[in-house]
Amino acid sequence: MHAQAAADSLPMTGTPESRSLAAGQLVQQATGGDLDAFEELVRRFQRRVYGFAYQHLRDFDEAYDLTQEIFVKLFRNLARYDATRPFEPWFWKLAANTTINYRRRRVPTPTDQSADHALTGTEVVLPAHDPALVDALAQLDPAYRLPVLLHYYADLPLEQVAQTLNLTVPAIKSRLHRARAMLRNTLAESEETGLR
């Protein structure tokens, strides 16, 4: 199944009751065997998780596979969630760790998706990002790339990024500052080489 079709296959809204529940409540219900609660968790996070996975892998189909793996891992680890703590930092830590493990065992593939989609006749619509920025992000060390992706792409506040990565908020601010500086330098260098 194509990645975009799969991402669109689930509606973005659940029942009115499930929309009003906090993620922690949904996790408690899902841990108790309520599959509707787990489906609502998937609905709430699927687009952000897919975007997070795509930014790491830069391959539509691989990102879809990783998204599925993250949600399978979530389902298997629901009982490990500590309900006294916020859900999102725990979830994004699980997503980040799953992503790191996935990248370690992944066989590198070409990043040119235009040829794949020209052959299949399908087109995936993602937010447009500057290709130079995407390349620069890919070159960042994971210690800097993960905070950037969690904060700017997954829209997590700094406190949750810090909890997710087991760092302090000042450490996250420092990594984000360094990452932005590295991205600026990389983009400036690529712009200079492009002008020549």
N, C-alpha and C. Protein backbone atom coordinates (compact mmCIF):
# COMPACT_ATOMS: atom_id res chain seq x y z
N MET A 1 0.85 -1.17 0.00
CA MET A 1 0.00 0.00 0.00
C MET A 1 0.90 1.23 0.00
N HIS A 2 0.53 2.23 -0.71
CA HIS A 2 1.35 3.42 -0.82
C HIS A 2 1.29 4.20 0.49
N ALA A 3 2.38 4.87 0.84
CA ALA A 3 2.51 5.54 2.13
C ALA A 3 1.44 6.60 2.35
N GLN A 4 1.18 7.45 1.38
CA GLN A 4 0.19 8.51 1.58
C GLN A 4 -1.20 7.92 1.69
N ALA A 5 -1.50 6.95 0.88
CA ALA A 5 -2.82 6.33 0.96
C ALA A 5 -3.01 5.69 2.33
N ALA A 6 -1.96 5.09 2.84
CA ALA A 6 -2.04 4.47 4.15
C ALA A 6 -2.21 5.53 5.24
N ALA A 7 -1.50 6.63 5.11
CA ALA A 7 -1.62 7.69 6.10
C ALA A 7 -3.01 8.30 6.07
N ASP A 8 -3.64 8.34 4.91
CA ASP A 8 -4.97 8.90 4.79
C ASP A 8 -6.08 7.89 5.07
N SER A 9 -5.71 6.61 5.22
CA SER A 9 -6.73 5.59 5.36
C SER A 9 -7.48 5.68 6.68
N LEU A 10 -6.82 6.18 7.72
CA LEU A 10 -7.51 6.35 8.98
C LEU A 10 -8.03 7.78 9.08
N PRO A 11 -9.27 7.96 9.51
CA PRO A 11 -9.76 9.32 9.66
C PRO A 11 -8.98 10.04 10.77
N MET A 12 -8.89 11.35 10.66
CA MET A 12 -8.11 12.11 11.62
C MET A 12 -8.87 12.37 12.91
N THR A 13 -10.14 12.06 12.95
CA THR A 13 -10.90 12.29 14.16
C THR A 13 -11.58 11.00 14.57
N GLY A 14 -11.69 10.80 15.86
CA GLY A 14 -12.37 9.63 16.38
C GLY A 14 -13.75 10.04 16.87
N THR A 15 -14.25 9.28 17.81
CA THR A 15 -15.55 9.60 18.39
C THR A 15 -15.39 10.86 19.24
N PRO A 16 -16.48 11.60 19.47
CA PRO A 16 -16.37 12.81 20.28
C PRO A 16 -15.80 12.53 21.67
N GLU A 17 -16.14 11.38 22.24
CA GLU A 17 -15.63 11.04 23.57
C GLU A 17 -14.11 10.86 23.54
N SER A 18 -13.60 10.17 22.51
CA SER A 18 -12.18 9.87 22.46
C SER A 18 -11.36 11.13 22.17
N ARG A 19 -11.94 12.10 21.45
CA ARG A 19 -11.21 13.33 21.16
C ARG A 19 -11.00 14.15 22.42
N SER A 20 -11.91 14.04 23.38
CA SER A 20 -11.79 14.85 24.60
C SER A 20 -10.87 14.20 25.63
N LEU A 21 -10.51 12.95 25.45
CA LEU A 21 -9.65 12.27 26.41
C LEU A 21 -8.19 12.65 26.23
N ALA A 22 -7.49 12.75 27.34
CA ALA A 22 -6.06 13.01 27.29
C ALA A 22 -5.35 11.75 26.84
N ALA A 23 -4.15 11.92 26.30
CA ALA A 23 -3.39 10.77 25.81
C ALA A 23 -3.15 9.76 26.93
N GLY A 24 -2.89 10.24 28.13
CA GLY A 24 -2.66 9.32 29.26
C GLY A 24 -3.87 8.45 29.55
N GLN A 25 -5.06 9.04 29.44
CA GLN A 25 -6.29 8.27 29.65
C GLN A 25 -6.46 7.22 28.55
N LEU A 26 -6.15 7.62 27.32
CA LEU A 26 -6.25 6.67 26.21
C LEU A 26 -5.28 5.51 26.40
N VAL A 27 -4.09 5.81 26.89
CA VAL A 27 -3.10 4.76 27.13
C VAL A 27 -3.61 3.80 28.20
N GLN A 28 -4.19 4.33 29.26
CA GLN A 28 -4.74 3.47 30.31
C GLN A 28 -5.83 2.56 29.76
N GLN A 29 -6.70 3.13 28.93
CA GLN A 29 -7.77 2.33 28.34
C GLN A 29 -7.19 1.29 27.38
N ALA A 30 -6.22 1.69 26.58
CA ALA A 30 -5.60 0.76 25.62
C ALA A 30 -4.88 -0.35 26.35
N THR A 31 -4.23 -0.03 27.47
CA THR A 31 -3.55 -1.05 28.26
C THR A 31 -4.55 -2.06 28.80
N GLY A 32 -5.76 -1.59 29.07
CA GLY A 32 -6.82 -2.47 29.54
C GLY A 32 -7.48 -3.27 28.43
N GLY A 33 -7.00 -3.13 27.19
CA GLY A 33 -7.53 -3.91 26.08
C GLY A 33 -8.49 -3.18 25.17
N ASP A 34 -8.67 -1.89 25.36
CA ASP A 34 -9.58 -1.11 24.53
C ASP A 34 -8.87 -0.73 23.22
N LEU A 35 -9.18 -1.46 22.15
CA LEU A 35 -8.53 -1.20 20.86
C LEU A 35 -8.96 0.14 20.26
N ASP A 36 -10.17 0.59 20.55
CA ASP A 36 -10.61 1.89 20.06
C ASP A 36 -9.74 3.01 20.63
N ALA A 37 -9.35 2.87 21.90
CA ALA A 37 -8.48 3.87 22.52
C ALA A 37 -7.11 3.87 21.84
N PHE A 38 -6.59 2.68 21.53
CA PHE A 38 -5.29 2.62 20.84
C PHE A 38 -5.41 3.22 19.44
N GLU A 39 -6.49 2.93 18.73
CA GLU A 39 -6.69 3.51 17.40
C GLU A 39 -6.74 5.03 17.47
N GLU A 40 -7.34 5.57 18.52
CA GLU A 40 -7.39 7.02 18.67
C GLU A 40 -5.98 7.57 18.91
N LEU A 41 -5.16 6.87 19.68
CA LEU A 41 -3.76 7.30 19.86
C LEU A 41 -3.04 7.33 18.52
N VAL A 42 -3.25 6.30 17.72
CA VAL A 42 -2.63 6.25 16.39
C VAL A 42 -3.10 7.43 15.56
N ARG A 43 -4.40 7.70 15.56
CA ARG A 43 -4.95 8.81 14.78
C ARG A 43 -4.33 10.14 15.21
N ARG A 44 -4.17 10.31 16.50
CA ARG A 44 -3.63 11.58 17.01
C ARG A 44 -2.17 11.80 16.62
N PHE A 45 -1.42 10.74 16.54
CA PHE A 45 0.03 10.89 16.35
C PHE A 45 0.53 10.49 14.97
N GLN A 46 -0.28 9.86 14.13
CA GLN A 46 0.24 9.26 12.90
C GLN A 46 0.89 10.25 11.95
N ARG A 47 0.32 11.41 11.76
CA ARG A 47 0.92 12.37 10.81
C ARG A 47 2.24 12.92 11.35
N ARG A 48 2.28 13.23 12.64
CA ARG A 48 3.52 13.74 13.21
C ARG A 48 4.59 12.66 13.22
N VAL A 49 4.21 11.44 13.51
CA VAL A 49 5.19 10.35 13.51
C VAL A 49 5.69 10.09 12.10
N TYR A 50 4.79 10.12 11.12
CA TYR A 50 5.23 9.91 9.74
C TYR A 50 6.19 11.02 9.30
N GLY A 51 5.87 12.26 9.64
CA GLY A 51 6.76 13.38 9.31
C GLY A 51 8.11 13.24 9.99
N PHE A 52 8.10 12.81 11.23
CA PHE A 52 9.33 12.58 11.99
C PHE A 52 10.15 11.48 11.31
N ALA A 53 9.49 10.39 10.94
CA ALA A 53 10.18 9.27 10.28
C ALA A 53 10.72 9.69 8.92
N TYR A 54 9.93 10.46 8.18
CA TYR A 54 10.38 10.89 6.85
C TYR A 54 11.60 11.81 6.96
N GLN A 55 11.61 12.68 7.95
CA GLN A 55 12.76 13.58 8.11
C GLN A 55 14.03 12.81 8.45
N HIS A 56 13.87 11.67 9.09
CA HIS A 56 15.04 10.84 9.40
C HIS A 56 15.50 10.03 8.20
N LEU A 57 14.56 9.47 7.45
CA LEU A 57 14.90 8.50 6.41
C LEU A 57 14.89 9.09 5.01
N ARG A 58 14.11 10.12 4.78
CA ARG A 58 13.99 10.78 3.47
C ARG A 58 13.56 9.81 2.38
N ASP A 59 12.73 8.86 2.74
CA ASP A 59 12.20 7.87 1.81
C ASP A 59 10.76 7.61 2.23
N PHE A 60 9.81 7.82 1.32
CA PHE A 60 8.39 7.72 1.65
C PHE A 60 8.00 6.35 2.19
N ASP A 61 8.39 5.31 1.48
CA ASP A 61 7.99 3.96 1.87
C ASP A 61 8.69 3.51 3.15
N GLU A 62 9.97 3.84 3.28
CA GLU A 62 10.71 3.50 4.50
C GLU A 62 10.10 4.23 5.70
N ALA A 63 9.71 5.49 5.49
CA ALA A 63 9.09 6.25 6.58
C ALA A 63 7.77 5.62 6.99
N TYR A 64 7.02 5.13 6.03
CA TYR A 64 5.76 4.44 6.34
C TYR A 64 6.05 3.17 7.16
N ASP A 65 7.06 2.41 6.74
CA ASP A 65 7.42 1.20 7.48
C ASP A 65 7.85 1.53 8.90
N LEU A 66 8.67 2.57 9.04
CA LEU A 66 9.13 2.97 10.36
C LEU A 66 7.95 3.45 11.22
N THR A 67 7.03 4.18 10.63
CA THR A 67 5.84 4.64 11.36
C THR A 67 5.07 3.44 11.91
N GLN A 68 4.89 2.44 11.06
CA GLN A 68 4.19 1.23 11.52
C GLN A 68 4.96 0.56 12.65
N GLU A 69 6.27 0.49 12.51
CA GLU A 69 7.10 -0.15 13.54
C GLU A 69 7.00 0.61 14.87
N ILE A 70 6.96 1.92 14.81
CA ILE A 70 6.83 2.73 16.02
C ILE A 70 5.51 2.42 16.72
N PHE A 71 4.42 2.33 15.96
CA PHE A 71 3.13 2.07 16.59
C PHE A 71 3.02 0.62 17.08
N VAL A 72 3.65 -0.31 16.40
CA VAL A 72 3.68 -1.70 16.90
C VAL A 72 4.44 -1.73 18.22
N LYS A 73 5.57 -1.03 18.26
CA LYS A 73 6.37 -0.99 19.48
C LYS A 73 5.59 -0.30 20.60
N LEU A 74 4.83 0.75 20.26
CA LEU A 74 3.99 1.41 21.26
C LEU A 74 2.99 0.41 21.84
N PHE A 75 2.32 -0.33 20.97
CA PHE A 75 1.31 -1.29 21.44
C PHE A 75 1.94 -2.33 22.37
N ARG A 76 3.11 -2.81 21.99
CA ARG A 76 3.77 -3.84 22.80
C ARG A 76 4.29 -3.30 24.13
N ASN A 77 4.55 -2.01 24.21
CA ASN A 77 5.14 -1.44 25.41
C ASN A 77 4.18 -0.59 26.23
N LEU A 78 2.89 -0.64 25.91
CA LEU A 78 1.93 0.17 26.66
C LEU A 78 1.98 -0.11 28.16
N ALA A 79 2.18 -1.36 28.53
CA ALA A 79 2.20 -1.72 29.95
C ALA A 79 3.39 -1.10 30.68
N ARG A 80 4.42 -0.71 29.95
CA ARG A 80 5.61 -0.11 30.57
C ARG A 80 5.45 1.38 30.84
N TYR A 81 4.42 1.98 30.29
CA TYR A 81 4.21 3.42 30.48
C TYR A 81 3.83 3.70 31.92
N ASP A 82 4.50 4.67 32.52
CA ASP A 82 4.24 5.10 33.89
C ASP A 82 3.20 6.23 33.83
N ALA A 83 1.98 5.94 34.26
CA ALA A 83 0.87 6.88 34.15
C ALA A 83 1.07 8.12 35.00
N THR A 84 2.03 8.12 35.91
CA THR A 84 2.27 9.31 36.73
C THR A 84 3.10 10.35 35.98
N ARG A 85 3.63 9.98 34.83
CA ARG A 85 4.46 10.89 34.03
C ARG A 85 3.72 11.25 32.75
N PRO A 86 4.12 12.36 32.10
CA PRO A 86 3.46 12.74 30.84
C PRO A 86 3.71 11.70 29.75
N PHE A 87 2.70 11.49 28.91
CA PHE A 87 2.78 10.47 27.88
C PHE A 87 3.70 10.85 26.73
N GLU A 88 3.58 12.08 26.23
CA GLU A 88 4.30 12.45 25.00
C GLU A 88 5.82 12.30 25.10
N PRO A 89 6.47 12.75 26.16
CA PRO A 89 7.92 12.53 26.21
C PRO A 89 8.28 11.04 26.17
N TRP A 90 7.50 10.24 26.86
CA TRP A 90 7.76 8.79 26.85
C TRP A 90 7.56 8.24 25.43
N PHE A 91 6.48 8.67 24.78
CA PHE A 91 6.20 8.19 23.43
C PHE A 91 7.29 8.61 22.45
N TRP A 92 7.71 9.88 22.50
CA TRP A 92 8.72 10.34 21.54
C TRP A 92 10.08 9.73 21.83
N LYS A 93 10.34 9.38 23.08
CA LYS A 93 11.58 8.65 23.40
C LYS A 93 11.52 7.27 22.73
N LEU A 94 10.38 6.61 22.83
CA LEU A 94 10.19 5.31 22.17
C LEU A 94 10.35 5.47 20.66
N ALA A 95 9.75 6.52 20.10
CA ALA A 95 9.85 6.76 18.65
C ALA A 95 11.30 7.04 18.25
N ALA A 96 12.00 7.85 19.03
CA ALA A 96 13.40 8.18 18.71
C ALA A 96 14.28 6.93 18.79
N ASN A 97 14.10 6.14 19.83
CA ASN A 97 14.90 4.91 19.97
C ASN A 97 14.60 3.92 18.86
N THR A 98 13.33 3.79 18.51
CA THR A 98 12.95 2.89 17.41
C THR A 98 13.58 3.37 16.10
N THR A 99 13.59 4.68 15.90
CA THR A 99 14.18 5.26 14.70
C THR A 99 15.68 5.00 14.63
N ILE A 100 16.36 5.18 15.74
CA ILE A 100 17.81 4.93 15.78
C ILE A 100 18.10 3.47 15.45
N ASN A 101 17.36 2.56 16.07
CA ASN A 101 17.56 1.13 15.80
C ASN A 101 17.23 0.78 14.36
N TYR A 102 16.18 1.39 13.82
CA TYR A 102 15.78 1.14 12.44
C TYR A 102 16.87 1.59 11.48
N ARG A 103 17.43 2.76 11.74
CA ARG A 103 18.50 3.29 10.87
C ARG A 103 19.74 2.42 10.93
N ARG A 104 20.03 1.84 12.09
CA ARG A 104 21.23 1.00 12.23
C ARG A 104 21.14 -0.25 11.37
N ARG A 105 19.95 -0.82 11.30
CA ARG A 105 19.82 -2.09 10.56
C ARG A 105 19.34 -1.90 9.13
N ARG A 106 19.09 -0.69 8.73
CA ARG A 106 18.56 -0.38 7.40
C ARG A 106 19.67 -0.40 6.35
N VAL A 107 19.34 -0.92 5.20
CA VAL A 107 20.25 -0.90 4.07
C VAL A 107 20.04 0.44 3.36
N PRO A 108 21.12 1.21 3.14
CA PRO A 108 20.94 2.51 2.48
C PRO A 108 20.29 2.35 1.10
N THR A 109 19.37 3.26 0.81
CA THR A 109 18.69 3.25 -0.48
C THR A 109 18.80 4.64 -1.09
N PRO A 110 18.64 4.74 -2.39
CA PRO A 110 18.69 6.07 -3.02
C PRO A 110 17.59 6.96 -2.47
N THR A 111 17.86 8.26 -2.42
CA THR A 111 16.87 9.18 -1.87
C THR A 111 16.03 9.86 -2.93
N ASP A 112 16.24 9.53 -4.21
CA ASP A 112 15.45 10.16 -5.26
C ASP A 112 14.10 9.46 -5.37
N GLN A 113 13.07 10.11 -4.83
CA GLN A 113 11.73 9.53 -4.84
C GLN A 113 10.96 9.86 -6.11
N SER A 114 11.41 10.85 -6.87
CA SER A 114 10.64 11.27 -8.04
C SER A 114 10.54 10.15 -9.06
N ALA A 115 11.61 9.37 -9.23
CA ALA A 115 11.57 8.27 -10.19
C ALA A 115 10.60 7.18 -9.74
N ASP A 116 10.59 6.88 -8.43
CA ASP A 116 9.67 5.86 -7.92
C ASP A 116 8.22 6.26 -8.16
N HIS A 117 7.90 7.51 -7.90
CA HIS A 117 6.52 7.94 -8.04
C HIS A 117 6.13 8.14 -9.49
N ALA A 118 7.08 8.42 -10.34
CA ALA A 118 6.78 8.53 -11.76
C ALA A 118 6.41 7.15 -12.31
N LEU A 119 7.07 6.11 -11.80
CA LEU A 119 6.78 4.76 -12.25
C LEU A 119 5.42 4.27 -11.76
N THR A 120 5.07 4.61 -10.52
CA THR A 120 3.82 4.10 -9.96
C THR A 120 2.63 4.97 -10.33
N GLY A 121 2.89 6.19 -10.79
CA GLY A 121 1.79 7.08 -11.16
C GLY A 121 1.12 7.70 -9.95
N THR A 122 1.74 7.62 -8.79
CA THR A 122 1.17 8.22 -7.59
C THR A 122 2.06 9.35 -7.13
N GLU A 123 1.46 10.22 -6.38
CA GLU A 123 2.23 11.35 -5.88
C GLU A 123 1.91 11.52 -4.40
N VAL A 124 2.94 11.70 -3.62
CA VAL A 124 2.77 11.92 -2.19
C VAL A 124 2.92 13.41 -1.93
N VAL A 125 2.00 13.95 -1.18
CA VAL A 125 2.06 15.36 -0.88
C VAL A 125 2.52 15.52 0.57
N LEU A 126 3.71 16.07 0.72
CA LEU A 126 4.25 16.39 2.03
C LEU A 126 4.52 17.88 2.06
N PRO A 127 4.67 18.44 3.25
CA PRO A 127 5.03 19.85 3.29
C PRO A 127 6.33 20.07 2.52
N ALA A 128 6.37 21.13 1.74
CA ALA A 128 7.56 21.41 0.93
C ALA A 128 8.67 21.91 1.83
N HIS A 129 9.82 21.28 1.73
CA HIS A 129 11.00 21.69 2.46
C HIS A 129 12.10 21.93 1.45
N ASP A 130 12.90 22.90 1.75
CA ASP A 130 14.04 23.21 0.92
C ASP A 130 14.95 21.98 0.87
N PRO A 131 15.25 21.46 -0.32
CA PRO A 131 16.12 20.28 -0.42
C PRO A 131 17.47 20.49 0.25
N ALA A 132 18.00 21.71 0.18
CA ALA A 132 19.28 21.99 0.83
C ALA A 132 19.15 21.84 2.34
N LEU A 133 18.03 22.26 2.91
CA LEU A 133 17.80 22.12 4.35
C LEU A 133 17.66 20.65 4.73
N VAL A 134 16.93 19.89 3.92
CA VAL A 134 16.76 18.46 4.19
C VAL A 134 18.12 17.76 4.16
N ASP A 135 18.96 18.10 3.17
CA ASP A 135 20.31 17.52 3.10
C ASP A 135 21.15 17.93 4.30
N ALA A 136 21.06 19.19 4.67
CA ALA A 136 21.83 19.67 5.82
C ALA A 136 21.39 18.97 7.10
N LEU A 137 20.09 18.76 7.27
CA LEU A 137 19.59 18.03 8.44
C LEU A 137 20.11 16.60 8.45
N ALA A 138 20.15 15.98 7.29
CA ALA A 138 20.62 14.60 7.20
C ALA A 138 22.09 14.48 7.59
N GLN A 139 22.86 15.55 7.38
CA GLN A 139 24.28 15.52 7.70
C GLN A 139 24.56 15.74 9.19
N LEU A 140 23.56 16.26 9.93
CA LEU A 140 23.76 16.51 11.36
C LEU A 140 23.95 15.21 12.13
N ASP A 141 24.77 15.26 13.12
CA ASP A 141 24.93 14.15 14.05
C ASP A 141 23.58 13.92 14.75
N PRO A 142 23.20 12.67 15.03
CA PRO A 142 21.91 12.41 15.69
C PRO A 142 21.73 13.16 17.01
N ALA A 143 22.81 13.44 17.71
CA ALA A 143 22.71 14.19 18.97
C ALA A 143 22.13 15.58 18.74
N TYR A 144 22.32 16.12 17.55
CA TYR A 144 21.78 17.43 17.21
C TYR A 144 20.52 17.32 16.36
N ARG A 145 20.44 16.31 15.49
CA ARG A 145 19.28 16.15 14.62
C ARG A 145 18.03 15.80 15.42
N LEU A 146 18.13 14.90 16.42
CA LEU A 146 16.94 14.50 17.18
C LEU A 146 16.27 15.67 17.89
N PRO A 147 17.01 16.52 18.60
CA PRO A 147 16.32 17.67 19.22
C PRO A 147 15.64 18.58 18.19
N VAL A 148 16.30 18.79 17.05
CA VAL A 148 15.71 19.64 16.00
C VAL A 148 14.41 19.01 15.50
N LEU A 149 14.43 17.73 15.20
CA LEU A 149 13.23 17.07 14.67
C LEU A 149 12.12 17.02 15.71
N LEU A 150 12.47 16.72 16.95
CA LEU A 150 11.44 16.65 17.99
C LEU A 150 10.83 18.02 18.27
N HIS A 151 11.66 19.06 18.28
CA HIS A 151 11.15 20.39 18.61
C HIS A 151 10.46 21.06 17.43
N TYR A 152 11.08 21.03 16.26
CA TYR A 152 10.54 21.78 15.13
C TYR A 152 9.60 20.97 14.24
N TYR A 153 9.79 19.66 14.14
CA TYR A 153 8.94 18.86 13.27
C TYR A 153 7.83 18.14 14.03
N ALA A 154 8.13 17.67 15.25
CA ALA A 154 7.10 17.01 16.04
C ALA A 154 6.39 18.01 16.96
N ASP A 155 6.84 19.26 16.94
CA ASP A 155 6.22 20.35 17.71
C ASP A 155 6.17 20.10 19.21
N LEU A 156 7.20 19.47 19.74
CA LEU A 156 7.27 19.26 21.18
C LEU A 156 7.89 20.48 21.85
N PRO A 157 7.36 20.88 23.01
CA PRO A 157 8.00 21.96 23.75
C PRO A 157 9.37 21.50 24.26
N LEU A 158 10.22 22.45 24.60
CA LEU A 158 11.58 22.14 25.03
C LEU A 158 11.61 21.19 26.22
N GLU A 159 10.67 21.37 27.15
CA GLU A 159 10.63 20.51 28.34
C GLU A 159 10.40 19.05 27.95
N GLN A 160 9.51 18.81 26.99
CA GLN A 160 9.23 17.44 26.57
C GLN A 160 10.39 16.87 25.76
N VAL A 161 11.06 17.70 24.96
CA VAL A 161 12.24 17.22 24.24
C VAL A 161 13.29 16.81 25.25
N ALA A 162 13.47 17.61 26.29
CA ALA A 162 14.46 17.29 27.33
C ALA A 162 14.12 15.98 28.03
N GLN A 163 12.85 15.80 28.38
CA GLN A 163 12.43 14.55 29.02
C GLN A 163 12.64 13.37 28.08
N THR A 164 12.30 13.55 26.82
CA THR A 164 12.40 12.48 25.84
C THR A 164 13.84 12.01 25.69
N LEU A 165 14.77 12.94 25.67
CA LEU A 165 16.18 12.61 25.42
C LEU A 165 16.99 12.49 26.71
N ASN A 166 16.31 12.55 27.86
CA ASN A 166 16.97 12.46 29.17
C ASN A 166 18.07 13.51 29.32
N LEU A 167 17.76 14.73 28.92
CA LEU A 167 18.68 15.85 29.04
C LEU A 167 17.98 16.98 29.77
N THR A 168 18.74 17.97 30.17
CA THR A 168 18.14 19.15 30.79
C THR A 168 17.67 20.11 29.69
N VAL A 169 16.79 21.03 30.07
CA VAL A 169 16.32 22.03 29.11
C VAL A 169 17.49 22.89 28.62
N PRO A 170 18.40 23.33 29.51
CA PRO A 170 19.55 24.09 28.98
C PRO A 170 20.40 23.28 27.99
N ALA A 171 20.53 21.98 28.21
CA ALA A 171 21.29 21.14 27.27
C ALA A 171 20.59 21.09 25.92
N ILE A 172 19.26 21.00 25.94
CA ILE A 172 18.49 20.99 24.68
C ILE A 172 18.64 22.32 23.98
N LYS A 173 18.55 23.42 24.72
CA LYS A 173 18.71 24.75 24.12
C LYS A 173 20.10 24.87 23.48
N SER A 174 21.10 24.35 24.18
CA SER A 174 22.46 24.40 23.65
C SER A 174 22.59 23.58 22.37
N ARG A 175 22.01 22.38 22.38
CA ARG A 175 22.08 21.54 21.17
C ARG A 175 21.32 22.17 20.01
N LEU A 176 20.18 22.77 20.31
CA LEU A 176 19.42 23.44 19.25
C LEU A 176 20.21 24.63 18.70
N HIS A 177 20.85 25.38 19.59
CA HIS A 177 21.66 26.52 19.16
C HIS A 177 22.80 26.05 18.26
N ARG A 178 23.51 25.01 18.70
CA ARG A 178 24.62 24.46 17.90
C ARG A 178 24.12 23.89 16.58
N ALA A 179 22.99 23.20 16.63
CA ALA A 179 22.43 22.62 15.40
C ALA A 179 22.07 23.71 14.40
N ARG A 180 21.44 24.78 14.89
CA ARG A 180 21.08 25.89 13.98
C ARG A 180 22.34 26.51 13.37
N ALA A 181 23.40 26.65 14.19
CA ALA A 181 24.66 27.21 13.68
C ALA A 181 25.25 26.28 12.62
N MET A 182 25.23 24.97 12.88
CA MET A 182 25.76 24.02 11.89
C MET A 182 24.93 24.05 10.61
N LEU A 183 23.61 24.14 10.76
CA LEU A 183 22.74 24.21 9.59
C LEU A 183 23.00 25.48 8.79
N ARG A 184 23.16 26.61 9.49
CA ARG A 184 23.47 27.86 8.80
C ARG A 184 24.76 27.73 8.00
N ASN A 185 25.81 27.16 8.63
CA ASN A 185 27.09 27.00 7.95
C ASN A 185 26.97 26.08 6.74
N THR A 186 26.28 24.96 6.92
CA THR A 186 26.11 24.01 5.82
C THR A 186 25.33 24.64 4.67
N LEU A 187 24.27 25.37 5.00
CA LEU A 187 23.46 26.01 3.97
C LEU A 187 24.24 27.12 3.27
N ALA A 188 25.05 27.87 4.02
CA ALA A 188 25.86 28.92 3.41
C ALA A 188 26.89 28.31 2.46
N GLU A 189 27.51 27.20 2.87
CA GLU A 189 28.48 26.53 2.01
C GLU A 189 27.83 25.99 0.75
N SER A 190 26.64 25.41 0.88
CA SER A 190 25.97 24.86 -0.30
C SER A 190 25.51 25.98 -1.22
N GLU A 191 25.16 27.13 -0.66
CA GLU A 191 24.77 28.27 -1.48
C GLU A 191 25.97 28.82 -2.24
N GLU A 192 27.13 28.85 -1.57
CA GLU A 192 28.35 29.33 -2.22
C GLU A 192 28.76 28.42 -3.37
N THR A 193 28.68 27.12 -3.15
CA THR A 193 29.06 26.18 -4.21
C THR A 193 28.04 26.21 -5.35
N GLY A 194 26.80 26.54 -5.03
CA GLY A 194 25.76 26.62 -6.06
C GLY A 194 25.92 27.85 -6.93
N LEU A 195 26.53 28.90 -6.39
CA LEU A 195 26.72 30.13 -7.17
C LEU A 195 27.90 30.05 -8.11
N ARG A 196 28.81 29.14 -7.85
CA ARG A 196 30.01 29.04 -8.69
C ARG A 196 29.75 28.35 -9.97
